[in-house]
């Protein structure tokens, strides 16, 4: 890894199509960059392997407090699976590819720290599923999102049938999946398909700014809060509160908790020990 300037502390490439940039003091904000512009970031086998590898590295790095998923293509976040590659596959090859592509989507979904997607242009199929796997989606006004898989004879296979209903409810998700329609930015925000809508060209900037605010908080607290939010989904209230209590107990006696309380009382910025 090497210093690169412009607010970026360091860079590391995972294969040909994925780049990880570290931002700010300590590199607490990690930017996972989809970098296959010649194919509008269509997810090939090699790219899927790289996404999974980058997520594994980031998830295991205790210095990382938040991950931002971005794109280098001017007109697309990610257009989903590489259908040109898939067209050449035999059934056996497609079956062998499945664990690799699934690992890419679950890699993003299972990041132990908060994650933010910065979406512009097309985020379709697996591309939208990568965004759905994040905790927050920031989109600019050029964004067009959707899960069109049934229009090409498959179904969403990167978590879309499970993640979308959790965002917008079962009936709305069914309408979107069954119709395979594309949704433009304003409607996407109104439906809850994206969370923050910004002016054209500002999705990455705003996502990184949000990540910086998130990353200023306790790393122990952030990981525990994400764990409680994710594990509590779908549970009844009593079970959910037990999940929350377990997460609370994991931070209540931590160094971060002691430092946070001390910093508040001493009217200073916390220096998180991260433990």
Protein backbone atom coordinates (compact mmCIF):
# COMPACT_ATOMS: atom_id res chain seq x y z
CA UNK A 1 0.00 0.00 0.00
CA UNK A 2 1.20 3.54 -0.72
CA UNK A 3 0.17 7.10 0.07
CA UNK A 4 -1.74 8.75 -2.76
CA UNK A 5 -2.80 12.19 -1.53
CA UNK A 6 -6.09 14.03 -2.11
CA UNK A 7 -7.42 12.95 1.27
CA UNK A 8 -6.68 9.30 0.50
CA UNK A 9 -4.21 7.81 2.93
CA UNK A 10 -3.48 4.63 0.98
CA UNK A 11 -4.63 2.30 -1.79
CA UNK A 12 -4.64 -1.45 -2.31
CA UNK A 13 -5.84 -3.32 -5.38
CA UNK A 14 -7.67 -6.64 -5.21
CA UNK A 15 -7.30 -8.20 -8.63
CA UNK A 16 -7.94 -6.14 -11.74
CA UNK A 17 -11.38 -4.78 -10.93
CA UNK A 18 -11.53 -3.80 -7.24
CA UNK A 19 -9.66 -1.07 -5.40
CA UNK A 20 -9.66 -0.24 -1.68
CA UNK A 21 -8.81 3.28 -0.59
CA UNK A 22 -8.26 4.38 3.02
CA UNK A 23 -9.34 7.88 4.01
CA UNK A 24 -8.52 10.19 6.90
CA UNK A 25 -6.33 9.85 9.95
CA UNK A 26 -5.92 6.21 10.79
CA UNK A 27 -7.65 5.04 7.62
CA UNK A 28 -10.87 4.39 9.53
CA UNK A 29 -13.01 5.01 6.42
CA UNK A 30 -12.41 2.39 3.72
CA UNK A 31 -13.70 2.94 0.20
CA UNK A 32 -14.35 -0.26 -1.74
CA UNK A 33 -14.25 0.81 -5.39
CA UNK A 34 -15.87 -1.15 -8.22
CA UNK A 35 -13.41 -0.55 -11.05
CA UNK A 36 -14.43 -2.34 -14.21
CA UNK A 37 -15.51 0.67 -16.27
CA UNK A 38 -15.27 -1.01 -19.69
CA UNK A 39 -18.13 -3.30 -18.66
CA UNK A 40 -20.10 -0.82 -16.50
CA UNK A 41 -18.92 -2.85 -13.50
CA UNK A 42 -20.73 -6.01 -14.61
CA UNK A 43 -19.75 -8.65 -12.07
CA UNK A 44 -17.62 -11.33 -13.71
CA UNK A 45 -16.19 -14.34 -11.93
CA UNK A 46 -12.88 -12.56 -11.38
CA UNK A 47 -14.60 -9.43 -10.11
CA UNK A 48 -16.78 -11.45 -7.71
CA UNK A 49 -13.68 -13.14 -6.33
CA UNK A 50 -12.05 -9.74 -5.80
CA UNK A 51 -15.09 -8.24 -4.06
CA UNK A 52 -15.19 -11.19 -1.67
CA UNK A 53 -11.46 -10.93 -1.01
CA UNK A 54 -11.62 -7.20 -0.34
CA UNK A 55 -14.57 -7.64 2.04
CA UNK A 56 -12.77 -10.40 3.95
CA UNK A 57 -9.73 -8.16 4.35
CA UNK A 58 -11.78 -5.16 5.48
CA UNK A 59 -13.90 -7.22 7.85
CA UNK A 60 -10.81 -8.53 9.57
CA UNK A 61 -9.14 -5.13 9.94
CA UNK A 62 -9.90 -3.63 13.36
CA UNK A 63 -8.83 -0.17 12.15
CA UNK A 64 -11.76 -0.03 9.72
CA UNK A 65 -14.87 1.59 11.20
CA UNK A 66 -17.00 2.10 8.07
CA UNK A 67 -16.94 0.98 4.43
CA UNK A 68 -18.18 3.02 1.44
CA UNK A 69 -18.99 1.16 -1.79
CA UNK A 70 -18.38 3.31 -4.90
CA UNK A 71 -17.93 3.07 -8.68
CA UNK A 72 -15.44 4.50 -11.16
CA UNK A 73 -17.91 4.43 -14.06
CA UNK A 74 -19.53 7.79 -14.83
CA UNK A 75 -22.92 6.35 -15.81
CA UNK A 76 -23.25 3.24 -13.68
CA UNK A 77 -22.78 1.96 -10.18
CA UNK A 78 -23.03 -1.66 -11.36
CA UNK A 79 -25.24 -3.27 -14.00
CA UNK A 80 -25.28 -6.69 -12.32
CA UNK A 81 -23.99 -10.05 -13.50
CA UNK A 82 -21.74 -10.26 -16.54
CA UNK A 83 -24.26 -11.83 -18.92
CA UNK A 84 -21.74 -11.96 -21.76
CA UNK A 85 -19.55 -14.21 -19.63
CA UNK A 86 -22.55 -16.23 -18.48
CA UNK A 87 -23.67 -16.77 -22.08
CA UNK A 88 -20.51 -18.80 -22.67
CA UNK A 89 -21.01 -21.04 -19.63
CA UNK A 90 -22.15 -24.62 -19.65
CA UNK A 91 -24.57 -25.61 -16.90
CA UNK A 92 -21.68 -27.17 -14.99
CA UNK A 93 -19.62 -23.97 -15.24
CA UNK A 94 -22.54 -21.86 -14.05
CA UNK A 95 -22.97 -24.15 -11.06
CA UNK A 96 -19.27 -23.89 -10.23
CA UNK A 97 -19.44 -20.10 -10.43
CA UNK A 98 -22.34 -19.81 -8.01
CA UNK A 99 -20.36 -20.01 -4.74
CA UNK A 100 -17.95 -17.35 -6.00
CA UNK A 101 -20.66 -14.86 -6.94
CA UNK A 102 -22.61 -15.56 -3.78
CA UNK A 103 -19.48 -14.88 -1.71
CA UNK A 104 -19.22 -11.40 -3.24
CA UNK A 105 -22.73 -10.40 -2.16
CA UNK A 106 -22.53 -12.01 1.26
CA UNK A 107 -19.10 -10.43 1.71
CA UNK A 108 -20.67 -6.98 1.54
CA UNK A 109 -23.71 -8.03 3.57
CA UNK A 110 -21.63 -9.55 6.37
CA UNK A 111 -19.21 -6.68 6.84
CA UNK A 112 -19.09 -6.26 10.62
CA UNK A 113 -18.92 -2.46 10.37
CA UNK A 114 -21.44 0.03 8.96
CA UNK A 115 -21.50 0.24 5.16
CA UNK A 116 -22.71 2.96 2.79
CA UNK A 117 -23.38 2.59 -0.95
CA UNK A 118 -22.79 5.62 -3.22
CA UNK A 119 -25.05 5.07 -6.22
CA UNK A 120 -25.30 6.95 -9.50
CA UNK A 121 -26.54 5.86 -12.89
CA UNK A 122 -27.56 2.25 -13.32
CA UNK A 123 -27.71 -0.03 -10.28
CA UNK A 124 -29.50 -3.03 -11.69
CA UNK A 125 -29.81 -6.68 -10.72
CA UNK A 126 -26.73 -7.73 -8.82
CA UNK A 127 -25.58 -4.13 -8.83
CA UNK A 128 -28.63 -3.07 -6.86
CA UNK A 129 -28.20 -6.11 -4.62
CA UNK A 130 -24.69 -4.93 -3.71
CA UNK A 131 -26.24 -1.62 -2.66
CA UNK A 132 -29.06 -3.37 -0.78
CA UNK A 133 -26.42 -5.31 1.16
CA UNK A 134 -25.19 -2.01 2.60
CA UNK A 135 -26.73 -0.34 5.64
CA UNK A 136 -27.38 3.02 3.95
CA UNK A 137 -27.79 3.90 0.26
CA UNK A 138 -26.87 7.41 -0.90
CA UNK A 139 -27.98 8.06 -4.49
CA UNK A 140 -27.73 10.99 -6.84
CA UNK A 141 -30.49 12.12 -9.20
CA UNK A 142 -29.15 10.06 -12.11
CA UNK A 143 -29.70 6.79 -10.25
CA UNK A 144 -31.86 4.09 -11.83
CA UNK A 145 -32.35 0.98 -9.70
CA UNK A 146 -34.16 -2.32 -10.12
CA UNK A 147 -34.14 -6.09 -10.03
CA UNK A 148 -34.87 -7.15 -13.64
CA UNK A 149 -33.77 -10.78 -13.33
CA UNK A 150 -37.11 -12.40 -14.22
CA UNK A 151 -36.95 -10.62 -17.59
CA UNK A 152 -33.93 -12.79 -18.50
CA UNK A 153 -35.23 -16.02 -17.03
CA UNK A 154 -33.67 -16.04 -13.56
CA UNK A 155 -34.41 -14.52 -10.15
CA UNK A 156 -32.43 -12.15 -7.95
CA UNK A 157 -29.64 -14.31 -6.55
CA UNK A 158 -27.54 -11.85 -4.57
CA UNK A 159 -29.98 -11.41 -1.72
CA UNK A 160 -32.57 -9.30 -3.51
CA UNK A 161 -35.62 -11.41 -2.71
CA UNK A 162 -34.75 -11.19 1.00
CA UNK A 163 -33.25 -7.71 1.35
CA UNK A 164 -35.82 -5.79 -0.69
CA UNK A 165 -38.87 -6.87 1.38
CA UNK A 166 -37.00 -5.87 4.52
CA UNK A 167 -36.72 -2.37 3.08
CA UNK A 168 -40.08 -1.80 1.41
CA UNK A 169 -42.40 -4.59 2.56
CA UNK A 170 -43.49 -7.81 0.92
CA UNK A 171 -46.13 -6.45 -1.47
CA UNK A 172 -43.99 -3.62 -2.83
CA UNK A 173 -41.03 -5.95 -3.24
CA UNK A 174 -43.20 -8.45 -5.10
CA UNK A 175 -44.40 -5.76 -7.52
CA UNK A 176 -40.84 -4.65 -8.24
CA UNK A 177 -39.40 -8.14 -8.65
CA UNK A 178 -42.28 -9.53 -10.71
CA UNK A 179 -42.52 -6.51 -13.02
CA UNK A 180 -38.73 -6.25 -13.42
CA UNK A 181 -39.19 -2.51 -13.80
CA UNK A 182 -36.51 0.13 -13.42
CA UNK A 183 -37.09 2.87 -10.84
CA UNK A 184 -35.65 6.35 -11.23
CA UNK A 185 -34.10 8.27 -8.37
CA UNK A 186 -36.99 10.37 -7.07
CA UNK A 187 -39.42 7.44 -6.95
CA UNK A 188 -36.69 5.21 -5.51
CA UNK A 189 -36.28 7.63 -2.61
CA UNK A 190 -40.05 7.87 -2.09
CA UNK A 191 -40.37 4.06 -2.03
CA UNK A 192 -37.43 3.63 0.35
CA UNK A 193 -35.25 1.88 -2.23
CA UNK A 194 -32.57 4.46 -1.47
CA UNK A 195 -32.15 6.44 1.74
CA UNK A 196 -30.52 9.75 0.83
CA UNK A 197 -31.01 11.58 -2.48
CA UNK A 198 -28.38 14.16 -3.48
CA UNK A 199 -27.63 16.34 -6.46
CA UNK A 200 -26.10 14.81 -9.59
CA UNK A 201 -22.45 13.88 -9.15
CA UNK A 202 -22.43 14.20 -5.36
CA UNK A 203 -23.19 10.63 -4.30
CA UNK A 204 -19.59 9.66 -3.55
CA UNK A 205 -18.80 12.94 -1.80
CA UNK A 206 -21.90 12.77 0.39
CA UNK A 207 -21.40 9.07 1.17
CA UNK A 208 -17.81 9.69 2.25
CA UNK A 209 -18.91 12.64 4.38
CA UNK A 210 -21.51 10.45 6.08
CA UNK A 211 -18.87 7.76 6.57
CA UNK A 212 -16.53 10.27 8.19
CA UNK A 213 -19.27 11.19 10.69
CA UNK A 214 -19.93 7.53 11.39
CA UNK A 215 -16.22 6.74 11.66
CA UNK A 216 -15.71 9.38 14.37
CA UNK A 217 -17.72 7.21 16.75
CA UNK A 218 -16.66 4.27 18.91
CA UNK A 219 -15.48 1.31 16.81
CA UNK A 220 -16.68 -1.08 19.51
CA UNK A 221 -20.04 0.68 19.65
CA UNK A 222 -20.44 0.71 15.86
CA UNK A 223 -19.80 -3.01 15.49
CA UNK A 224 -22.14 -3.86 18.37
CA UNK A 225 -24.89 -1.56 17.08
CA UNK A 226 -24.69 -3.11 13.61
CA UNK A 227 -24.80 -6.60 15.12
CA UNK A 228 -27.92 -5.71 17.13
CA UNK A 229 -29.65 -4.12 14.14
CA UNK A 230 -28.92 -7.04 11.82
CA UNK A 231 -29.56 -9.92 14.24
CA UNK A 232 -32.76 -8.32 15.52
CA UNK A 233 -34.40 -8.09 12.10
CA UNK A 234 -37.43 -10.32 11.81
CA UNK A 235 -37.53 -11.26 15.48
CA UNK A 236 -40.46 -10.54 17.77
CA UNK A 237 -39.94 -7.65 20.18
CA UNK A 238 -39.00 -9.76 23.19
CA UNK A 239 -36.37 -11.71 21.24
CA UNK A 240 -35.09 -8.53 19.64
CA UNK A 241 -34.60 -6.92 23.02
CA UNK A 242 -32.55 -9.92 24.11
CA UNK A 243 -30.32 -9.41 21.05
CA UNK A 244 -29.96 -5.75 22.00
CA UNK A 245 -29.13 -6.61 25.62
CA UNK A 246 -26.39 -9.01 24.53
CA UNK A 247 -24.90 -6.33 22.28
CA UNK A 248 -25.11 -3.78 25.11
CA UNK A 249 -23.28 -6.11 27.48
CA UNK A 250 -20.51 -6.53 24.91
CA UNK A 251 -19.76 -2.79 25.02
CA UNK A 252 -20.78 -1.77 28.54
CA UNK A 253 -17.45 -2.79 30.10
CA UNK A 254 -15.22 -1.93 27.14
CA UNK A 255 -12.38 0.55 26.96
CA UNK A 256 -14.39 2.54 24.44
CA UNK A 257 -17.25 2.96 26.91
CA UNK A 258 -14.87 4.16 29.63
CA UNK A 259 -13.17 6.58 27.22
CA UNK A 260 -16.47 7.88 25.84
CA UNK A 261 -17.86 8.70 29.28
CA UNK A 262 -14.58 10.28 30.38
CA UNK A 263 -14.31 12.39 27.22
CA UNK A 264 -17.90 13.59 27.62
CA UNK A 265 -17.29 14.70 31.21
CA UNK A 266 -13.94 16.29 30.36
CA UNK A 267 -15.44 18.07 27.31
CA UNK A 268 -12.88 16.67 24.86
CA UNK A 269 -12.82 14.52 21.74
CA UNK A 270 -12.64 10.79 22.55
CA UNK A 271 -9.49 8.84 21.75
CA UNK A 272 -11.07 5.46 21.16
CA UNK A 273 -8.95 2.46 22.21
CA UNK A 274 -11.15 0.25 20.02
CA UNK A 275 -11.53 -2.46 22.61
